[in-house]
Every structure is written in C-alpha cells, then in structure tokens.
Amino acid sequence: MTDVGVAIAEYLSQAIAEKGLASLVVSGGSSPVPTFKTLTTMPIDWAQVTITLVDDRDVPADHADSNDLLVHTHLLQGQAAQAHYVSLARDPDAVANIARPFDVMLLGMGTDGHFASLFPDMISDVTAFDTDAAPAILRTGIKGSPAHPRISMNLAMILQARHIMLLIQGDAKRAVLAEAQHDRSLPVSALLHQTISNIDIITDQVS
C-alpha cells in the first residue's frame, strides 16, 4: 500500500499549500497499517496536519483493541509524529469541530460489509446511514469483533471529505464489495451508491 501512502501525502501537501493546514481521517484494523508506515516516512509539513479516527472502540486508550493505540503505534511516528492528533473516543466534540471538508478519509471494510462502525444491523438507522442526516458522531452498543461499544462518524459526516479512499484486501472482501453493488443490506452499499462524494477503491489484487 505504498502508493496509497504517497497519494495521501500528496493530497495533504496540496491542502497545506492551498490553505495552510490539512486533515486526515483514518480507520483502525490491520488494513491501513502498511499505509501508516509509508506515511511516517513522508517529508511533508506534518505540523500543519490534524489526524483523527473515523471510528473507535469504547475502551481505554492503552487497550489492545483501541484504535487510538493503533494510530499512536503505527502512524504518529517518524515524520508524522509532528501531526496534531485528536482522539475521537476521548474528545468527540473536538473532532466535530475540525474544519470540513476533511482533506483525506481512509476507510476499510469488514467481511460483513461494515465500514467505520456502521454495521449491518444499523442499516435502517437513518441517523447512521441517511446522506441527508445531520453530520454526527454516534455511540453504539456492543458490536463487531472484537466486541465492544463503538463510537463512529455517521455516513453524512464521512462524506464530508474531499478525497475518500476505501482499502479492500483479499478475495473475501472483494467478493463482498462486488455483492454490495446489488445487495443494499450490506452497509458498504450505501457508500457505493451515494452521489455526494467520489470513492477511490484500492484493492491489493491478491488472487
């Protein structure tokens, strides 16, 4: 995922050149870690970059399942250690106050079609999935694996990004993505069928 990291760095540099600052919203899980490692080597003006998460588990910041911990361990290192990090789990109000549109949004997807912490059993929740809903940060009950209460941006807030990149790794996830083209019960289908923002889908092409 080196090319993804390079592309993100270019988008952030463009934003800094245009307005003096930039924002990067990332997901947890294993998929973005190689991209994070690439970003730590990118010589951009990280002091002007604000980083936050699209979702997290409601656990202590040093818990093994915390996306906060993941970001601190794999992204806020090297060159990127100079970035300003705002914790979604610890300070959602501060995240809500980050200027929008966000410059770059890096998303992943689970094998159940969820992205961020927007899961299949939430598909009828208009607050979570309606693109006309007010942009918001939601708290959920225990969901996903590992099973924890979650905090997540809703779809309306996610779509307030200039560049949205969706990482898809492995045959199983590519099959889910293909199914989501016609199966509206899969959460990622809402992302694919909306007409507000373009989604760049990046696959690892493993067969």
C-alpha atoms as a PDB file:
ATOM      1  CA  MET A   1       0.000   0.000   0.000  1.00  0.00           C
ATOM      2  CA  THR A   2       2.987   2.297  -0.591  1.00  0.00           C
ATOM      3  CA  ASP A   3       1.215   4.077  -3.450  1.00  0.00           C
ATOM      4  CA  VAL A   4      -1.748   4.846  -1.170  1.00  0.00           C
ATOM      5  CA  GLY A   5       0.531   6.469   1.388  1.00  0.00           C
ATOM      6  CA  VAL A   6       2.239   8.518  -1.312  1.00  0.00           C
ATOM      7  CA  ALA A   7      -1.136   9.642  -2.704  1.00  0.00           C
ATOM      8  CA  ILE A   8      -2.351  10.657   0.757  1.00  0.00           C
ATOM      9  CA  ALA A   9       0.836  12.634   1.365  1.00  0.00           C
ATOM     10  CA  GLU A  10       0.330  14.435  -1.947  1.00  0.00           C
ATOM     11  CA  TYR A  11      -3.272  15.311  -1.089  1.00  0.00           C
ATOM     12  CA  LEU A  12      -2.201  16.620   2.320  1.00  0.00           C
ATOM     13  CA  SER A  13       0.607  18.679   0.796  1.00  0.00           C
ATOM     14  CA  GLN A  14      -1.817  20.172  -1.727  1.00  0.00           C
ATOM     15  CA  ALA A  15      -4.199  21.139   1.071  1.00  0.00           C
ATOM     16  CA  ILE A  16      -1.386  22.742   3.079  1.00  0.00           C
ATOM     17  CA  ALA A  17      -0.291  24.705   0.004  1.00  0.00           C
ATOM     18  CA  GLU A  18      -3.866  25.891  -0.583  1.00  0.00           C
ATOM     19  CA  LYS A  19      -4.960  26.773   2.946  1.00  0.00           C
ATOM     20  CA  GLY A  20      -2.049  26.300   5.320  1.00  0.00           C
ATOM     21  CA  LEU A  21      -3.374  23.178   7.025  1.00  0.00           C
ATOM     22  CA  ALA A  22      -4.762  19.735   6.292  1.00  0.00           C
ATOM     23  CA  SER A  23      -6.796  16.960   7.899  1.00  0.00           C
ATOM     24  CA  LEU A  24      -6.563  13.185   7.678  1.00  0.00           C
ATOM     25  CA  VAL A  25      -9.244  10.823   8.998  1.00  0.00           C
ATOM     26  CA  VAL A  26      -8.236   7.173   9.276  1.00  0.00           C
ATOM     27  CA  SER A  27      -9.691   3.796  10.198  1.00  0.00           C
ATOM     28  CA  GLY A  28      -8.369   1.153  12.539  1.00  0.00           C
ATOM     29  CA  GLY A  29      -7.779  -2.515  11.845  1.00  0.00           C
ATOM     30  CA  SER A  30      -4.863  -4.159  10.084  1.00  0.00           C
ATOM     31  CA  SER A  31      -5.580  -2.941   6.541  1.00  0.00           C
ATOM     32  CA  PRO A  32      -4.244   0.624   6.902  1.00  0.00           C
ATOM     33  CA  VAL A  33      -1.083  -0.254   8.861  1.00  0.00           C
ATOM     34  CA  PRO A  34       1.208  -0.553   5.796  1.00  0.00           C
ATOM     35  CA  THR A  35      -0.119   2.812   4.603  1.00  0.00           C
ATOM     36  CA  PHE A  36       0.530   4.298   8.045  1.00  0.00           C
ATOM     37  CA  LYS A  37       4.117   3.084   7.898  1.00  0.00           C
ATOM     38  CA  THR A  38       4.596   4.705   4.499  1.00  0.00           C
ATOM     39  CA  LEU A  39       3.173   7.973   5.801  1.00  0.00           C
ATOM     40  CA  THR A  40       5.676   8.056   8.667  1.00  0.00           C
ATOM     41  CA  THR A  41       8.411   8.447   6.047  1.00  0.00           C
ATOM     42  CA  MET A  42       6.751  11.194   4.005  1.00  0.00           C
ATOM     43  CA  PRO A  43       8.566  14.564   4.389  1.00  0.00           C
ATOM     44  CA  ILE A  44       5.521  16.840   4.373  1.00  0.00           C
ATOM     45  CA  ASP A  45       4.743  19.635   6.840  1.00  0.00           C
ATOM     46  CA  TRP A  46       3.150  17.343   9.408  1.00  0.00           C
ATOM     47  CA  ALA A  47       2.921  20.127  11.995  1.00  0.00           C
ATOM     48  CA  GLN A  48       0.070  21.545   9.891  1.00  0.00           C
ATOM     49  CA  VAL A  49      -1.830  18.230   9.716  1.00  0.00           C
ATOM     50  CA  THR A  50      -4.647  17.206  12.059  1.00  0.00           C
ATOM     51  CA  ILE A  51      -5.276  13.459  12.307  1.00  0.00           C
ATOM     52  CA  THR A  52      -8.308  11.743  13.789  1.00  0.00           C
ATOM     53  CA  LEU A  53     -10.240   8.483  13.516  1.00  0.00           C
ATOM     54  CA  VAL A  54     -13.491   7.736  11.711  1.00  0.00           C
ATOM     55  CA  ASP A  55     -14.395   5.286  14.489  1.00  0.00           C
ATOM     56  CA  ASP A  56     -13.065   3.617  17.616  1.00  0.00           C
ATOM     57  CA  ARG A  57     -13.952   1.110  20.297  1.00  0.00           C
ATOM     58  CA  ASP A  58     -15.059   2.490  23.655  1.00  0.00           C
ATOM     59  CA  VAL A  59     -12.088   1.109  25.566  1.00  0.00           C
ATOM     60  CA  PRO A  60      -9.175   2.726  27.443  1.00  0.00           C
ATOM     61  CA  ALA A  61      -6.640   4.424  25.182  1.00  0.00           C
ATOM     62  CA  ASP A  62      -3.971   1.866  26.070  1.00  0.00           C
ATOM     63  CA  HIS A  63      -6.248  -1.159  25.477  1.00  0.00           C
ATOM     64  CA  ALA A  64      -5.031  -3.599  22.828  1.00  0.00           C
ATOM     65  CA  ASP A  65      -8.275  -3.088  20.855  1.00  0.00           C
ATOM     66  CA  SER A  66      -8.069   0.723  20.889  1.00  0.00           C
ATOM     67  CA  ASN A  67      -7.712   2.450  17.535  1.00  0.00           C
ATOM     68  CA  ASP A  68      -6.089   5.306  19.467  1.00  0.00           C
ATOM     69  CA  LEU A  69      -3.294   2.903  20.394  1.00  0.00           C
ATOM     70  CA  LEU A  70      -3.036   1.668  16.811  1.00  0.00           C
ATOM     71  CA  VAL A  71      -2.596   5.210  15.487  1.00  0.00           C
ATOM     72  CA  HIS A  72      -0.030   6.124  18.122  1.00  0.00           C
ATOM     73  CA  THR A  73       1.908   2.919  17.480  1.00  0.00           C
ATOM     74  CA  HIS A  74       1.922   2.889  13.680  1.00  0.00           C
ATOM     75  CA  LEU A  75       1.128   6.393  12.368  1.00  0.00           C
ATOM     76  CA  LEU A  76       2.263   9.038  14.857  1.00  0.00           C
ATOM     77  CA  GLN A  77       5.873   8.021  14.368  1.00  0.00           C
ATOM     78  CA  GLY A  78       8.835   9.307  12.370  1.00  0.00           C
ATOM     79  CA  GLN A  79       7.958  12.332  10.246  1.00  0.00           C
ATOM     80  CA  ALA A  80       4.268  12.056  11.183  1.00  0.00           C
ATOM     81  CA  ALA A  81       4.976  12.394  14.915  1.00  0.00           C
ATOM     82  CA  GLN A  82       4.674  16.160  14.415  1.00  0.00           C
ATOM     83  CA  ALA A  83       0.992  15.919  13.444  1.00  0.00           C
ATOM     84  CA  HIS A  84      -1.773  17.103  15.773  1.00  0.00           C
ATOM     85  CA  TYR A  85      -3.859  14.122  16.874  1.00  0.00           C
ATOM     86  CA  VAL A  86      -7.441  14.471  18.109  1.00  0.00           C
ATOM     87  CA  SER A  87      -8.930  11.402  19.769  1.00  0.00           C
ATOM     88  CA  LEU A  88     -12.441  10.518  18.635  1.00  0.00           C
ATOM     89  CA  ALA A  89     -13.028   8.338  21.692  1.00  0.00           C
ATOM     90  CA  ARG A  90     -11.673  10.850  24.185  1.00  0.00           C
ATOM     91  CA  ASP A  91     -12.805  14.158  22.639  1.00  0.00           C
ATOM     92  CA  PRO A  92     -15.577  13.714  20.049  1.00  0.00           C
ATOM     93  CA  ASP A  93     -16.592  17.372  20.361  1.00  0.00           C
ATOM     94  CA  ALA A  94     -13.125  18.439  19.232  1.00  0.00           C
ATOM     95  CA  VAL A  95     -13.358  16.059  16.289  1.00  0.00           C
ATOM     96  CA  ALA A  96     -16.746  17.509  15.350  1.00  0.00           C
ATOM     97  CA  ASN A  97     -15.127  20.953  15.324  1.00  0.00           C
ATOM     98  CA  ILE A  98     -12.374  20.049  12.854  1.00  0.00           C
ATOM     99  CA  ALA A  99     -12.907  22.170   9.754  1.00  0.00           C
ATOM    100  CA  ARG A 100     -14.733  20.397   6.954  1.00  0.00           C
ATOM    101  CA  PRO A 101     -14.494  19.138   4.358  1.00  0.00           C
ATOM    102  CA  PHE A 102     -11.809  16.824   5.675  1.00  0.00           C
ATOM    103  CA  ASP A 103      -8.975  16.583   3.173  1.00  0.00           C
ATOM    104  CA  VAL A 104      -8.462  12.809   3.174  1.00  0.00           C
ATOM    105  CA  MET A 105     -10.579   9.967   4.552  1.00  0.00           C
ATOM    106  CA  LEU A 106      -9.042   6.474   4.648  1.00  0.00           C
ATOM    107  CA  LEU A 107     -11.621   3.717   5.143  1.00  0.00           C
ATOM    108  CA  GLY A 108     -11.535  -0.053   5.405  1.00  0.00           C
ATOM    109  CA  MET A 109     -14.312  -2.642   5.194  1.00  0.00           C
ATOM    110  CA  GLY A 110     -15.127  -5.796   7.145  1.00  0.00           C
ATOM    111  CA  THR A 111     -16.243  -9.098   5.664  1.00  0.00           C
ATOM    112  CA  ASP A 112     -19.797  -8.264   6.787  1.00  0.00           C
ATOM    113  CA  GLY A 113     -19.672  -5.115   4.656  1.00  0.00           C
ATOM    114  CA  HIS A 114     -19.337  -2.688   7.556  1.00  0.00           C
ATOM    115  CA  PHE A 115     -17.179   0.415   7.310  1.00  0.00           C
ATOM    116  CA  ALA A 116     -16.284   2.755  10.158  1.00  0.00           C
ATOM    117  CA  SER A 117     -18.505   1.334  12.936  1.00  0.00           C
ATOM    118  CA  LEU A 118     -21.613   1.275  10.754  1.00  0.00           C
ATOM    119  CA  PHE A 119     -22.771  -2.346  10.907  1.00  0.00           C
ATOM    120  CA  PRO A 120     -25.454  -4.383   9.083  1.00  0.00           C
ATOM    121  CA  ASP A 121     -27.913  -4.237  11.990  1.00  0.00           C
ATOM    122  CA  MET A 122     -27.827  -0.424  11.744  1.00  0.00           C
ATOM    123  CA  ILE A 123     -28.751  -0.231   8.055  1.00  0.00           C
ATOM    124  CA  SER A 124     -32.279   1.073   8.778  1.00  0.00           C
ATOM    125  CA  ASP A 125     -30.988   3.737  11.181  1.00  0.00           C
ATOM    126  CA  VAL A 126     -31.461   6.980   9.263  1.00  0.00           C
ATOM    127  CA  THR A 127     -29.159   8.855  11.638  1.00  0.00           C
ATOM    128  CA  ALA A 128     -26.361   6.467  10.735  1.00  0.00           C
ATOM    129  CA  PHE A 129     -26.937   5.900   7.015  1.00  0.00           C
ATOM    130  CA  ASP A 130     -29.127   8.658   5.556  1.00  0.00           C
ATOM    131  CA  THR A 131     -26.977  11.005   3.487  1.00  0.00           C
ATOM    132  CA  ASP A 132     -29.424  13.813   4.309  1.00  0.00           C
ATOM    133  CA  ALA A 133     -28.976  13.341   8.063  1.00  0.00           C
ATOM    134  CA  ALA A 134     -27.050  15.913  10.052  1.00  0.00           C
ATOM    135  CA  PRO A 135     -23.347  15.021  10.205  1.00  0.00           C
ATOM    136  CA  ALA A 136     -22.850  13.427  13.597  1.00  0.00           C
ATOM    137  CA  ILE A 137     -20.698  11.241  15.807  1.00  0.00           C
ATOM    138  CA  LEU A 138     -22.663   8.256  17.093  1.00  0.00           C
ATOM    139  CA  ARG A 139     -22.239   5.925  20.042  1.00  0.00           C
ATOM    140  CA  THR A 140     -23.406   2.351  19.579  1.00  0.00           C
ATOM    141  CA  GLY A 141     -23.910  -0.696  21.726  1.00  0.00           C
ATOM    142  CA  ILE A 142     -21.533  -3.655  21.666  1.00  0.00           C
ATOM    143  CA  LYS A 143     -20.771  -4.507  18.047  1.00  0.00           C
ATOM    144  CA  GLY A 144     -18.241  -6.174  15.820  1.00  0.00           C
ATOM    145  CA  SER A 145     -15.226  -8.308  16.546  1.00  0.00           C
ATOM    146  CA  PRO A 146     -13.628  -7.677  18.924  1.00  0.00           C
ATOM    147  CA  ALA A 147     -16.956  -6.918  20.583  1.00  0.00           C
ATOM    148  CA  HIS A 148     -17.010  -3.511  22.260  1.00  0.00           C
ATOM    149  CA  PRO A 149     -19.260  -0.469  22.372  1.00  0.00           C
ATOM    150  CA  ARG A 150     -18.311   1.786  19.467  1.00  0.00           C
ATOM    151  CA  ILE A 151     -18.085   5.445  18.525  1.00  0.00           C
ATOM    152  CA  SER A 152     -18.282   6.407  14.867  1.00  0.00           C
ATOM    153  CA  MET A 153     -18.886   9.182  12.387  1.00  0.00           C
ATOM    154  CA  ASN A 154     -22.149   8.694  10.524  1.00  0.00           C
ATOM    155  CA  LEU A 155     -22.268   8.423   6.736  1.00  0.00           C
ATOM    156  CA  ALA A 156     -23.216  12.074   6.326  1.00  0.00           C
ATOM    157  CA  MET A 157     -20.059  13.167   8.165  1.00  0.00           C
ATOM    158  CA  ILE A 158     -17.868  10.630   6.361  1.00  0.00           C
ATOM    159  CA  LEU A 159     -18.983  12.046   3.029  1.00  0.00           C
ATOM    160  CA  GLN A 160     -17.766  15.494   4.064  1.00  0.00           C
ATOM    161  CA  ALA A 161     -14.303  14.674   2.763  1.00  0.00           C
ATOM    162  CA  ARG A 162     -12.522  15.813  -0.382  1.00  0.00           C
ATOM    163  CA  HIS A 163     -10.777  12.505  -1.018  1.00  0.00           C
ATOM    164  CA  ILE A 164     -12.249   9.218   0.243  1.00  0.00           C
ATOM    165  CA  MET A 165     -10.145   6.085  -0.170  1.00  0.00           C
ATOM    166  CA  LEU A 166     -11.552   2.614   0.552  1.00  0.00           C
ATOM    167  CA  LEU A 167      -8.983  -0.137   1.130  1.00  0.00           C
ATOM    168  CA  ILE A 168     -10.122  -3.651   0.167  1.00  0.00           C
ATOM    169  CA  GLN A 169      -7.736  -6.527   0.881  1.00  0.00           C
ATOM    170  CA  GLY A 170      -8.192 -10.172  -0.035  1.00  0.00           C
ATOM    171  CA  ASP A 171     -10.562 -12.240  -2.145  1.00  0.00           C
ATOM    172  CA  ALA A 172     -13.264 -12.442   0.542  1.00  0.00           C
ATOM    173  CA  LYS A 173     -13.576  -8.682   0.875  1.00  0.00           C
ATOM    174  CA  ARG A 174     -13.503  -8.153  -2.887  1.00  0.00           C
ATOM    175  CA  ALA A 175     -16.391 -10.622  -3.154  1.00  0.00           C
ATOM    176  CA  VAL A 176     -18.348  -8.663  -0.529  1.00  0.00           C
ATOM    177  CA  LEU A 177     -17.654  -5.426  -2.400  1.00  0.00           C
ATOM    178  CA  ALA A 178     -18.966  -6.969  -5.622  1.00  0.00           C
ATOM    179  CA  GLU A 179     -22.088  -8.227  -3.838  1.00  0.00           C
ATOM    180  CA  ALA A 180     -22.694  -4.763  -2.398  1.00  0.00           C
ATOM    181  CA  GLN A 181     -23.242  -3.428  -5.910  1.00  0.00           C
ATOM    182  CA  HIS A 182     -26.703  -5.024  -5.790  1.00  0.00           C
ATOM    183  CA  ASP A 183     -27.257  -6.049  -2.142  1.00  0.00           C
ATOM    184  CA  ARG A 184     -28.417  -2.959  -0.266  1.00  0.00           C
ATOM    185  CA  SER A 185     -28.384  -4.831   3.065  1.00  0.00           C
ATOM    186  CA  LEU A 186     -24.599  -4.528   3.136  1.00  0.00           C
ATOM    187  CA  PRO A 187     -23.514  -1.265   4.788  1.00  0.00           C
ATOM    188  CA  VAL A 188     -20.823  -0.515   2.217  1.00  0.00           C
ATOM    189  CA  SER A 189     -23.567  -0.460  -0.422  1.00  0.00           C
ATOM    190  CA  ALA A 190     -24.663   2.906   0.995  1.00  0.00           C
ATOM    191  CA  LEU A 191     -21.156   4.219   0.417  1.00  0.00           C
ATOM    192  CA  LEU A 192     -21.009   2.879  -3.133  1.00  0.00           C
ATOM    193  CA  HIS A 193     -24.430   4.151  -4.210  1.00  0.00           C
ATOM    194  CA  GLN A 194     -24.368   7.666  -2.770  1.00  0.00           C
ATOM    195  CA  THR A 195     -23.852  10.543  -5.223  1.00  0.00           C
ATOM    196  CA  ILE A 196     -22.224  13.116  -2.944  1.00  0.00           C
ATOM    197  CA  SER A 197     -18.573  12.059  -2.985  1.00  0.00           C
ATOM    198  CA  ASN A 198     -16.361  10.011  -5.265  1.00  0.00           C
ATOM    199  CA  ILE A 199     -14.865   6.915  -3.635  1.00  0.00           C
ATOM    200  CA  ASP A 200     -11.439   5.673  -4.713  1.00  0.00           C
ATOM    201  CA  ILE A 201     -11.413   1.899  -4.189  1.00  0.00           C
ATOM    202  CA  ILE A 202      -7.949   0.419  -3.701  1.00  0.00           C
ATOM    203  CA  THR A 203      -7.510  -3.355  -3.766  1.00  0.00           C
ATOM    204  CA  ASP A 204      -4.411  -5.452  -3.158  1.00  0.00           C
ATOM    205  CA  GLN A 205      -5.194  -7.620  -6.205  1.00  0.00           C
ATOM    206  CA  VAL A 206      -4.459 -10.841  -4.305  1.00  0.00           C
ATOM    207  CA  SER A 207      -5.953 -13.867  -6.084  1.00  0.00           C
END
